[in-house]
């Protein structure tokens, strides 16, 4: 008897990481795109995932900025300085 008997609709395939022969139904596509068996499967580390979007929180007791007080041209003389 052979190691891999015929299974209708299930092809033979090689693990991209270790090179062993498996049925295609026994391989899983990894986050890197490789087709690997359960023993070679690496989970993606949480630090490699994108950070969640920041939630913009409104300011507490937010107040509008006061209007600008500009000095007019002739309001200050040399005697004032």
Protein backbone atom coordinates (compact mmCIF):
# COMPACT_ATOMS: atom_id res chain seq x y z
CA UNK A 1 0.00 0.00 0.00
CA UNK A 2 1.30 3.44 -0.87
CA UNK A 3 1.75 6.25 1.59
CA UNK A 4 -0.66 8.49 -0.31
CA UNK A 5 -3.59 6.46 -1.64
CA UNK A 6 -5.77 8.02 -4.31
CA UNK A 7 -8.38 10.46 -3.05
CA UNK A 8 -10.88 11.68 -5.64
CA UNK A 9 -10.70 15.47 -5.97
CA UNK A 10 -7.72 15.88 -3.60
CA UNK A 11 -4.36 16.55 -5.23
CA UNK A 12 -0.93 15.95 -3.76
CA UNK A 13 1.06 19.06 -2.86
CA UNK A 14 4.31 20.05 -1.17
CA UNK A 15 4.60 22.17 1.95
CA UNK A 16 6.35 25.41 0.97
CA UNK A 17 8.30 25.52 4.23
CA UNK A 18 9.51 21.94 4.87
CA UNK A 19 9.02 20.34 1.43
CA UNK A 20 7.10 17.29 2.68
CA UNK A 21 4.31 15.85 0.57
CA UNK A 22 0.72 16.26 1.78
CA UNK A 23 -2.76 16.29 0.35
CA UNK A 24 -3.86 19.77 -0.69
CA UNK A 25 -6.71 19.60 1.83
CA UNK A 26 -4.12 19.21 4.63
CA UNK A 27 -2.30 22.45 3.74
CA UNK A 28 -3.28 25.91 4.96
CA UNK A 29 -2.42 29.25 3.40
CA UNK A 30 -0.34 31.30 5.81
CA UNK A 31 -0.50 35.12 6.16
CA UNK A 32 2.67 35.28 4.02
CA UNK A 33 0.89 33.45 1.18
CA UNK A 34 2.78 30.15 1.64
CA UNK A 35 0.88 26.87 1.65
CA UNK A 36 2.08 25.01 4.76
CA UNK A 37 1.01 22.09 6.95
CA UNK A 38 -0.14 22.47 10.54
CA UNK A 39 3.33 21.79 11.96
CA UNK A 40 4.93 24.57 9.91
CA UNK A 41 2.12 27.10 10.35
CA UNK A 42 3.32 30.37 11.92
CA UNK A 43 0.77 32.72 13.42
CA UNK A 44 1.17 36.38 12.67
CA UNK A 45 2.57 38.32 15.62
CA UNK A 46 0.17 40.97 16.96
CA UNK A 47 2.84 43.69 16.61
CA UNK A 48 2.90 43.11 12.84
CA UNK A 49 -0.78 44.00 12.59
CA UNK A 50 -1.79 47.57 11.86
CA UNK A 51 -2.62 49.61 14.94
CA UNK A 52 -6.27 50.43 15.47
CA UNK A 53 -7.32 53.89 14.28
CA UNK A 54 -7.19 56.58 16.91
CA UNK A 55 -10.51 57.89 18.12
CA UNK A 56 -10.62 61.67 18.15
CA UNK A 57 -12.08 62.71 21.48
CA UNK A 58 -13.57 66.18 21.87
CA UNK A 59 -11.90 68.54 24.32
CA UNK A 60 -13.58 68.87 27.68
CA UNK A 61 -14.78 72.45 28.39
CA UNK A 62 -13.53 73.66 25.03
CA UNK A 63 -13.76 77.43 24.63
CA UNK A 64 -13.28 79.54 21.54
CA UNK A 65 -10.05 81.51 21.40
CA UNK A 66 -10.45 85.21 22.25
CA UNK A 67 -10.40 87.68 19.38
CA UNK A 68 -7.06 89.25 18.49
CA UNK A 69 -6.54 92.80 19.79
CA UNK A 70 -4.48 94.65 17.26
CA UNK A 71 -2.94 98.03 17.99
CA UNK A 72 -3.88 100.69 15.50
CA UNK A 73 -1.12 102.58 13.75
CA UNK A 74 -1.46 105.88 15.52
CA UNK A 75 -2.59 104.67 18.94
CA UNK A 76 0.98 104.58 20.34
CA UNK A 77 3.23 107.64 20.21
CA UNK A 78 6.90 108.11 21.12
CA UNK A 79 5.93 109.69 24.41
CA UNK A 80 4.06 106.52 25.40
CA UNK A 81 7.23 104.48 25.06
